[in-house]
Amino acid sequence: MHKLYFTGLMTAVLTLSGCDMFGGPSADIKDADLRKKWRECKTISNPSRTKALACENYVRECARRKGNGNLVCY
């Protein structure tokens, strides 16, 4: 029983450690490009589902950078 528990725990730890939970494609965007995409999202009145998800990611990245003192989107 302990061996199964240990195996499951190690699998979970290795899986989560391989993920970049706080990064992503939007974390690599330059400030000027992020500002441009963020402003573009503000002008779209009826975005597609895909565009809405992308815009949410841009907003999230803007908030993350704002928390770090970078007011690129504001």
N, C-alpha and C. Protein backbone atom coordinates (compact mmCIF):
# COMPACT_ATOMS: atom_id res chain seq x y z
N MET A 1 0.82 -1.20 0.00
CA MET A 1 0.00 0.00 0.00
C MET A 1 0.87 1.26 0.00
N HIS A 2 1.91 1.28 0.82
CA HIS A 2 2.79 2.45 0.88
C HIS A 2 3.54 2.65 -0.42
N LYS A 3 3.89 1.55 -1.09
CA LYS A 3 4.61 1.65 -2.36
C LYS A 3 3.73 2.30 -3.42
N LEU A 4 2.44 1.94 -3.45
CA LEU A 4 1.50 2.52 -4.40
C LEU A 4 1.30 4.01 -4.11
N TYR A 5 1.17 4.35 -2.84
CA TYR A 5 1.01 5.75 -2.44
C TYR A 5 2.24 6.56 -2.85
N PHE A 6 3.42 6.02 -2.57
CA PHE A 6 4.66 6.70 -2.90
C PHE A 6 4.79 6.90 -4.41
N THR A 7 4.44 5.87 -5.18
CA THR A 7 4.52 5.96 -6.64
C THR A 7 3.57 7.04 -7.16
N GLY A 8 2.36 7.08 -6.65
CA GLY A 8 1.39 8.10 -7.06
C GLY A 8 1.85 9.50 -6.69
N LEU A 9 2.40 9.62 -5.49
CA LEU A 9 2.89 10.92 -5.03
C LEU A 9 4.06 11.40 -5.89
N MET A 10 4.98 10.52 -6.19
CA MET A 10 6.13 10.89 -7.02
C MET A 10 5.70 11.26 -8.44
N THR A 11 4.72 10.55 -8.98
CA THR A 11 4.20 10.87 -10.30
C THR A 11 3.60 12.27 -10.31
N ALA A 12 2.83 12.59 -9.28
CA ALA A 12 2.22 13.91 -9.19
C ALA A 12 3.27 15.01 -9.06
N VAL A 13 4.26 14.79 -8.23
CA VAL A 13 5.32 15.79 -8.03
C VAL A 13 6.10 16.01 -9.31
N LEU A 14 6.46 14.95 -10.00
CA LEU A 14 7.22 15.09 -11.24
C LEU A 14 6.40 15.76 -12.33
N THR A 15 5.12 15.45 -12.37
CA THR A 15 4.26 16.07 -13.38
C THR A 15 4.14 17.57 -13.13
N LEU A 16 3.89 17.94 -11.89
CA LEU A 16 3.72 19.36 -11.58
C LEU A 16 5.03 20.13 -11.67
N SER A 17 6.12 19.51 -11.37
CA SER A 17 7.39 20.21 -11.46
C SER A 17 7.81 20.45 -12.91
N GLY A 18 7.27 19.67 -13.82
CA GLY A 18 7.57 19.86 -15.24
C GLY A 18 6.74 20.95 -15.87
N CYS A 19 5.71 21.40 -15.19
CA CYS A 19 4.83 22.45 -15.72
C CYS A 19 5.36 23.82 -15.31
N ASP A 20 5.27 24.74 -16.22
CA ASP A 20 5.57 26.12 -15.88
C ASP A 20 4.23 26.77 -15.56
N MET A 21 3.83 26.70 -14.31
CA MET A 21 2.49 27.11 -13.91
C MET A 21 2.27 28.61 -14.04
N PHE A 22 3.33 29.39 -13.99
CA PHE A 22 3.15 30.84 -14.00
C PHE A 22 3.63 31.47 -15.29
N GLY A 23 4.08 30.69 -16.19
CA GLY A 23 4.53 31.21 -17.47
C GLY A 23 3.55 30.83 -18.56
N GLY A 24 3.94 30.99 -19.75
CA GLY A 24 3.10 30.65 -20.88
C GLY A 24 3.49 31.50 -22.05
N PRO A 25 2.79 31.30 -23.15
CA PRO A 25 3.13 32.07 -24.35
C PRO A 25 3.04 33.58 -24.14
N SER A 26 2.06 34.02 -23.38
CA SER A 26 1.91 35.47 -23.20
C SER A 26 2.99 36.06 -22.31
N ALA A 27 3.68 35.22 -21.52
CA ALA A 27 4.76 35.72 -20.68
C ALA A 27 5.99 36.10 -21.51
N ASP A 28 6.08 35.59 -22.73
CA ASP A 28 7.22 35.86 -23.59
C ASP A 28 7.00 37.06 -24.53
N ILE A 29 5.82 37.63 -24.51
CA ILE A 29 5.49 38.75 -25.39
C ILE A 29 6.20 40.01 -24.91
N LYS A 30 6.75 40.75 -25.83
CA LYS A 30 7.37 42.04 -25.50
C LYS A 30 6.29 43.00 -25.04
N ASP A 31 6.69 43.99 -24.26
CA ASP A 31 5.74 44.95 -23.70
C ASP A 31 4.91 45.66 -24.77
N ALA A 32 5.56 46.10 -25.83
CA ALA A 32 4.84 46.84 -26.88
C ALA A 32 3.81 45.94 -27.57
N ASP A 33 4.17 44.68 -27.81
CA ASP A 33 3.23 43.76 -28.46
C ASP A 33 2.06 43.43 -27.54
N LEU A 34 2.35 43.26 -26.25
CA LEU A 34 1.28 42.97 -25.29
C LEU A 34 0.32 44.15 -25.21
N ARG A 35 0.86 45.36 -25.15
CA ARG A 35 0.01 46.56 -25.09
C ARG A 35 -0.89 46.65 -26.33
N LYS A 36 -0.32 46.35 -27.49
CA LYS A 36 -1.08 46.40 -28.75
C LYS A 36 -2.22 45.37 -28.73
N LYS A 37 -1.92 44.15 -28.32
CA LYS A 37 -2.95 43.10 -28.30
C LYS A 37 -4.01 43.40 -27.25
N TRP A 38 -3.58 43.92 -26.10
CA TRP A 38 -4.51 44.26 -25.02
C TRP A 38 -5.48 45.35 -25.48
N ARG A 39 -4.95 46.38 -26.15
CA ARG A 39 -5.80 47.46 -26.66
C ARG A 39 -6.74 46.96 -27.74
N GLU A 40 -6.24 46.08 -28.60
CA GLU A 40 -7.07 45.50 -29.65
C GLU A 40 -8.25 44.75 -29.04
N CYS A 41 -8.00 44.02 -27.97
CA CYS A 41 -9.07 43.27 -27.30
C CYS A 41 -10.14 44.21 -26.74
N LYS A 42 -9.72 45.38 -26.28
CA LYS A 42 -10.68 46.34 -25.72
C LYS A 42 -11.64 46.87 -26.78
N THR A 43 -11.26 46.81 -28.05
CA THR A 43 -12.10 47.36 -29.11
C THR A 43 -13.04 46.33 -29.74
N ILE A 44 -12.86 45.06 -29.44
CA ILE A 44 -13.69 44.01 -30.04
C ILE A 44 -14.98 43.89 -29.25
N SER A 45 -16.10 44.10 -29.93
CA SER A 45 -17.39 44.07 -29.23
C SER A 45 -17.95 42.66 -29.08
N ASN A 46 -17.71 41.79 -30.05
CA ASN A 46 -18.26 40.43 -29.98
C ASN A 46 -17.18 39.44 -30.42
N PRO A 47 -16.21 39.15 -29.55
CA PRO A 47 -15.10 38.28 -29.95
C PRO A 47 -15.53 36.82 -30.06
N SER A 48 -14.83 36.09 -30.90
CA SER A 48 -15.06 34.64 -30.97
C SER A 48 -14.57 34.02 -29.67
N ARG A 49 -14.92 32.79 -29.45
CA ARG A 49 -14.50 32.12 -28.21
C ARG A 49 -12.97 32.06 -28.12
N THR A 50 -12.33 31.76 -29.22
CA THR A 50 -10.87 31.68 -29.24
C THR A 50 -10.24 33.03 -28.94
N LYS A 51 -10.78 34.07 -29.56
CA LYS A 51 -10.25 35.42 -29.34
C LYS A 51 -10.51 35.86 -27.90
N ALA A 52 -11.67 35.50 -27.36
CA ALA A 52 -11.99 35.85 -25.98
C ALA A 52 -10.99 35.19 -25.01
N LEU A 53 -10.65 33.94 -25.26
CA LEU A 53 -9.67 33.25 -24.42
C LEU A 53 -8.30 33.91 -24.53
N ALA A 54 -7.91 34.27 -25.75
CA ALA A 54 -6.64 34.96 -25.95
C ALA A 54 -6.64 36.28 -25.20
N CYS A 55 -7.73 37.01 -25.29
CA CYS A 55 -7.83 38.31 -24.61
C CYS A 55 -7.76 38.13 -23.09
N GLU A 56 -8.38 37.09 -22.57
CA GLU A 56 -8.28 36.81 -21.14
C GLU A 56 -6.83 36.57 -20.73
N ASN A 57 -6.10 35.87 -21.57
CA ASN A 57 -4.69 35.62 -21.29
C ASN A 57 -3.89 36.92 -21.30
N TYR A 58 -4.19 37.81 -22.23
CA TYR A 58 -3.51 39.10 -22.28
C TYR A 58 -3.81 39.92 -21.04
N VAL A 59 -5.06 39.93 -20.62
CA VAL A 59 -5.46 40.66 -19.41
C VAL A 59 -4.74 40.08 -18.20
N ARG A 60 -4.68 38.76 -18.12
CA ARG A 60 -4.00 38.10 -17.01
C ARG A 60 -2.50 38.44 -16.99
N GLU A 61 -1.89 38.46 -18.18
CA GLU A 61 -0.47 38.79 -18.26
C GLU A 61 -0.24 40.25 -17.90
N CYS A 62 -1.14 41.14 -18.32
CA CYS A 62 -1.03 42.55 -17.96
C CYS A 62 -1.11 42.71 -16.43
N ALA A 63 -2.02 41.98 -15.81
CA ALA A 63 -2.17 42.04 -14.36
C ALA A 63 -0.92 41.49 -13.66
N ARG A 64 -0.35 40.42 -14.21
CA ARG A 64 0.86 39.85 -13.63
C ARG A 64 2.01 40.85 -13.70
N ARG A 65 2.15 41.50 -14.86
CA ARG A 65 3.22 42.49 -15.01
C ARG A 65 2.97 43.71 -14.14
N LYS A 66 1.70 44.09 -13.99
CA LYS A 66 1.37 45.23 -13.13
C LYS A 66 1.78 44.91 -11.69
N GLY A 67 1.55 43.66 -11.27
CA GLY A 67 1.96 43.24 -9.94
C GLY A 67 3.45 43.31 -9.73
N ASN A 68 4.20 43.20 -10.82
CA ASN A 68 5.67 43.29 -10.77
C ASN A 68 6.15 44.73 -10.97
N GLY A 69 5.22 45.68 -11.05
CA GLY A 69 5.59 47.08 -11.19
C GLY A 69 5.71 47.56 -12.62
N ASN A 70 5.32 46.72 -13.58
CA ASN A 70 5.42 47.09 -15.00
C ASN A 70 4.01 47.48 -15.47
N LEU A 71 3.77 48.75 -15.67
CA LEU A 71 2.44 49.24 -16.05
C LEU A 71 2.29 49.33 -17.56
N VAL A 72 2.68 48.30 -18.25
CA VAL A 72 2.69 48.29 -19.73
C VAL A 72 1.29 48.48 -20.33
N CYS A 73 0.26 47.97 -19.69
CA CYS A 73 -1.08 48.00 -20.27
C CYS A 73 -1.94 49.13 -19.72
N TYR A 74 -1.41 49.92 -18.81
CA TYR A 74 -2.26 50.90 -18.15
C TYR A 74 -1.77 52.30 -18.32
